C-alpha atoms as a PDB file:
ATOM      1  CA  UNK A   1     163.092 179.120  70.838  1.00  0.00           C
ATOM      2  CA  UNK A   2     165.457 181.456  69.542  1.00  0.00           C
ATOM      3  CA  UNK A   3     167.622 180.710  67.146  1.00  0.00           C
ATOM      4  CA  UNK A   4     170.706 182.768  65.490  1.00  0.00           C
ATOM      5  CA  UNK A   5     171.974 182.289  61.644  1.00  0.00           C
ATOM      6  CA  UNK A   6     174.721 184.744  61.231  1.00  0.00           C
ATOM      7  CA  UNK A   7     175.905 186.254  57.915  1.00  0.00           C
ATOM      8  CA  UNK A   8     179.113 187.820  56.783  1.00  0.00           C
ATOM      9  CA  UNK A   9     179.951 189.823  53.762  1.00  0.00           C
ATOM     10  CA  UNK A  10     182.329 188.040  51.737  1.00  0.00           C
ATOM     11  CA  UNK A  11     184.674 189.069  48.220  1.00  0.00           C
ATOM     12  CA  UNK A  12     183.713 186.530  46.812  1.00  0.00           C
ATOM     13  CA  UNK A  13     180.824 184.447  48.004  1.00  0.00           C
ATOM     14  CA  UNK A  14     181.899 180.365  45.767  1.00  0.00           C
ATOM     15  CA  UNK A  15     185.620 180.920  47.066  1.00  0.00           C
ATOM     16  CA  UNK A  16     184.308 181.537  50.802  1.00  0.00           C
ATOM     17  CA  UNK A  17     182.015 178.765  50.615  1.00  0.00           C
ATOM     18  CA  UNK A  18     184.861 176.271  49.529  1.00  0.00           C
ATOM     19  CA  UNK A  19     187.229 177.601  52.056  1.00  0.00           C
ATOM     20  CA  UNK A  20     184.226 177.270  54.716  1.00  0.00           C
ATOM     21  CA  UNK A  21     182.992 173.744  52.902  1.00  0.00           C
ATOM     22  CA  UNK A  22     186.882 172.153  53.319  1.00  0.00           C
ATOM     23  CA  UNK A  23     187.608 173.501  56.833  1.00  0.00           C
ATOM     24  CA  UNK A  24     184.498 172.718  58.673  1.00  0.00           C
ATOM     25  CA  UNK A  25     183.235 170.221  56.090  1.00  0.00           C
ATOM     26  CA  UNK A  26     179.709 171.527  56.113  1.00  0.00           C
ATOM     27  CA  UNK A  27     177.711 171.789  52.793  1.00  0.00           C
ATOM     28  CA  UNK A  28     176.660 174.728  50.619  1.00  0.00           C
ATOM     29  CA  UNK A  29     172.642 174.402  50.753  1.00  0.00           C
ATOM     30  CA  UNK A  30     172.174 177.901  48.404  1.00  0.00           C
ATOM     31  CA  UNK A  31     174.999 178.290  45.860  1.00  0.00           C
ATOM     32  CA  UNK A  32     175.299 181.333  43.884  1.00  0.00           C
ATOM     33  CA  UNK A  33     177.790 184.387  43.543  1.00  0.00           C
ATOM     34  CA  UNK A  34     175.570 186.725  46.010  1.00  0.00           C
ATOM     35  CA  UNK A  35     174.338 184.484  48.530  1.00  0.00           C
ATOM     36  CA  UNK A  36     175.284 181.335  50.230  1.00  0.00           C
ATOM     37  CA  UNK A  37     174.070 178.780  53.205  1.00  0.00           C
ATOM     38  CA  UNK A  38     176.377 176.885  54.807  1.00  0.00           C
ATOM     39  CA  UNK A  39     174.541 173.646  57.099  1.00  0.00           C
ATOM     40  CA  UNK A  40     175.684 170.685  59.008  1.00  0.00           C
ATOM     41  CA  UNK A  41     172.699 168.338  58.440  1.00  0.00           C
ATOM     42  CA  UNK A  42     170.070 170.154  59.381  1.00  0.00           C
ATOM     43  CA  UNK A  43     171.611 173.252  60.873  1.00  0.00           C
ATOM     44  CA  UNK A  44     172.670 176.574  58.979  1.00  0.00           C
ATOM     45  CA  UNK A  45     176.168 177.251  60.689  1.00  0.00           C
ATOM     46  CA  UNK A  46     176.724 180.495  58.799  1.00  0.00           C
ATOM     47  CA  UNK A  47     175.641 182.737  55.306  1.00  0.00           C
ATOM     48  CA  UNK A  48     177.674 184.087  53.076  1.00  0.00           C
ATOM     49  CA  UNK A  49     176.910 187.302  51.191  1.00  0.00           C
ATOM     50  CA  UNK A  50     178.293 189.293  48.680  1.00  0.00           C
ATOM     51  CA  UNK A  51     179.889 192.786  49.810  1.00  0.00           C
ATOM     52  CA  UNK A  52     177.444 195.693  47.983  1.00  0.00           C
ATOM     53  CA  UNK A  53     174.365 193.496  47.201  1.00  0.00           C
ATOM     54  CA  UNK A  54     171.111 193.904  48.152  1.00  0.00           C
ATOM     55  CA  UNK A  55     170.991 197.181  49.697  1.00  0.00           C
ATOM     56  CA  UNK A  56     172.282 196.125  52.891  1.00  0.00           C
ATOM     57  CA  UNK A  57     173.673 198.797  54.873  1.00  0.00           C
ATOM     58  CA  UNK A  58     176.213 196.821  56.714  1.00  0.00           C
ATOM     59  CA  UNK A  59     177.327 195.093  53.687  1.00  0.00           C
ATOM     60  CA  UNK A  60     177.607 198.240  51.538  1.00  0.00           C
ATOM     61  CA  UNK A  61     181.072 197.975  51.852  1.00  0.00           C
ATOM     62  CA  UNK A  62     184.018 195.988  53.048  1.00  0.00           C
ATOM     63  CA  UNK A  63     185.885 199.021  53.981  1.00  0.00           C
ATOM     64  CA  UNK A  64     183.529 200.044  56.972  1.00  0.00           C
ATOM     65  CA  UNK A  65     185.451 197.717  59.484  1.00  0.00           C
ATOM     66  CA  UNK A  66     182.648 195.142  59.148  1.00  0.00           C
ATOM     67  CA  UNK A  67     184.373 192.744  60.723  1.00  0.00           C
ATOM     68  CA  UNK A  68     185.913 194.499  63.747  1.00  0.00           C
ATOM     69  CA  UNK A  69     184.647 193.081  67.190  1.00  0.00           C
ATOM     70  CA  UNK A  70     183.686 189.839  65.743  1.00  0.00           C
ATOM     71  CA  UNK A  71     184.703 186.727  65.846  1.00  0.00           C
ATOM     72  CA  UNK A  72     183.369 183.442  64.022  1.00  0.00           C
ATOM     73  CA  UNK A  73     183.259 180.422  66.344  1.00  0.00           C
ATOM     74  CA  UNK A  74     182.799 176.985  65.730  1.00  0.00           C
ATOM     75  CA  UNK A  75     182.654 174.184  67.381  1.00  0.00           C
ATOM     76  CA  UNK A  76     183.351 170.648  65.849  1.00  0.00           C
ATOM     77  CA  UNK A  77     183.299 167.118  66.624  1.00  0.00           C
ATOM     78  CA  UNK A  78     186.743 166.435  64.999  1.00  0.00           C
ATOM     79  CA  UNK A  79     189.604 168.897  66.273  1.00  0.00           C
ATOM     80  CA  UNK A  80     192.255 167.228  64.260  1.00  0.00           C
ATOM     81  CA  UNK A  81     190.356 166.982  61.369  1.00  0.00           C
ATOM     82  CA  UNK A  82     189.855 170.405  61.352  1.00  0.00           C
ATOM     83  CA  UNK A  83     193.287 171.786  62.052  1.00  0.00           C
ATOM     84  CA  UNK A  84     194.259 169.350  59.254  1.00  0.00           C
ATOM     85  CA  UNK A  85     192.219 170.721  56.993  1.00  0.00           C
ATOM     86  CA  UNK A  86     193.153 174.379  57.598  1.00  0.00           C
ATOM     87  CA  UNK A  87     196.624 173.490  57.034  1.00  0.00           C
ATOM     88  CA  UNK A  88     195.703 171.481  54.179  1.00  0.00           C
ATOM     89  CA  UNK A  89     193.383 175.197  52.491  1.00  0.00           C
ATOM     90  CA  UNK A  90     197.135 177.046  53.699  1.00  0.00           C
ATOM     91  CA  UNK A  91     195.244 178.871  55.702  1.00  0.00           C
ATOM     92  CA  UNK A  92     196.418 182.102  57.831  1.00  0.00           C
ATOM     93  CA  UNK A  93     196.432 180.249  61.332  1.00  0.00           C
ATOM     94  CA  UNK A  94     196.882 182.349  63.745  1.00  0.00           C
ATOM     95  CA  UNK A  95     197.917 179.982  66.565  1.00  0.00           C
ATOM     96  CA  UNK A  96     197.601 176.167  66.319  1.00  0.00           C
ATOM     97  CA  UNK A  97     195.300 173.981  68.668  1.00  0.00           C
ATOM     98  CA  UNK A  98     196.341 174.863  72.334  1.00  0.00           C
ATOM     99  CA  UNK A  99     193.787 174.691  75.452  1.00  0.00           C
ATOM    100  CA  UNK A 100     191.992 177.904  76.037  1.00  0.00           C
ATOM    101  CA  UNK A 101     191.814 177.813  79.919  1.00  0.00           C
ATOM    102  CA  UNK A 102     188.370 180.173  79.764  1.00  0.00           C
ATOM    103  CA  UNK A 103     186.126 178.116  77.459  1.00  0.00           C
ATOM    104  CA  UNK A 104     188.310 174.508  79.105  1.00  0.00           C
ATOM    105  CA  UNK A 105     188.558 174.116  75.359  1.00  0.00           C
ATOM    106  CA  UNK A 106     191.115 173.497  72.611  1.00  0.00           C
ATOM    107  CA  UNK A 107     191.091 175.457  69.918  1.00  0.00           C
ATOM    108  CA  UNK A 108     192.825 176.648  67.030  1.00  0.00           C
ATOM    109  CA  UNK A 109     192.499 180.368  65.567  1.00  0.00           C
ATOM    110  CA  UNK A 110     192.603 181.356  61.949  1.00  0.00           C
ATOM    111  CA  UNK A 111     191.657 183.877  59.829  1.00  0.00           C
ATOM    112  CA  UNK A 112     189.310 183.171  56.774  1.00  0.00           C
ATOM    113  CA  UNK A 113     189.965 184.541  52.508  1.00  0.00           C
ATOM    114  CA  UNK A 114     187.928 187.979  54.140  1.00  0.00           C
ATOM    115  CA  UNK A 115     190.024 188.540  57.265  1.00  0.00           C
ATOM    116  CA  UNK A 116     187.811 187.360  59.631  1.00  0.00           C
ATOM    117  CA  UNK A 117     188.645 186.708  62.767  1.00  0.00           C
ATOM    118  CA  UNK A 118     188.018 182.472  63.385  1.00  0.00           C
ATOM    119  CA  UNK A 119     188.115 180.033  66.522  1.00  0.00           C
ATOM    120  CA  UNK A 120     187.790 176.197  65.763  1.00  0.00           C
ATOM    121  CA  UNK A 121     187.047 174.440  69.063  1.00  0.00           C
ATOM    122  CA  UNK A 122     186.222 171.208  70.661  1.00  0.00           C
END
């Protein structure tokens, strides 16, 4: 079996952790100022890493355009609830719930606090 566990660099790990926990209903499994593991049940859905920590070359500085070419894509069981969470977070919603003809699913798009582009889909 092969699984992926995405790690993104963020300016403020606790703030980003709260954002994703409130948006997606996931839980923090690690906690801390420099690294967090967000889970849903036993599944890791996203890891957060503070910019400039631990000498990872691709996470040294936010000025390198690290988010260019990246979309964080999440599937959720309750799309309307996740959209409501985004609105309550006062998140920067790019497009409300709509049907995507490519994925054949309803989805909405938004930006996280570190300007990562997010698609939340059913």
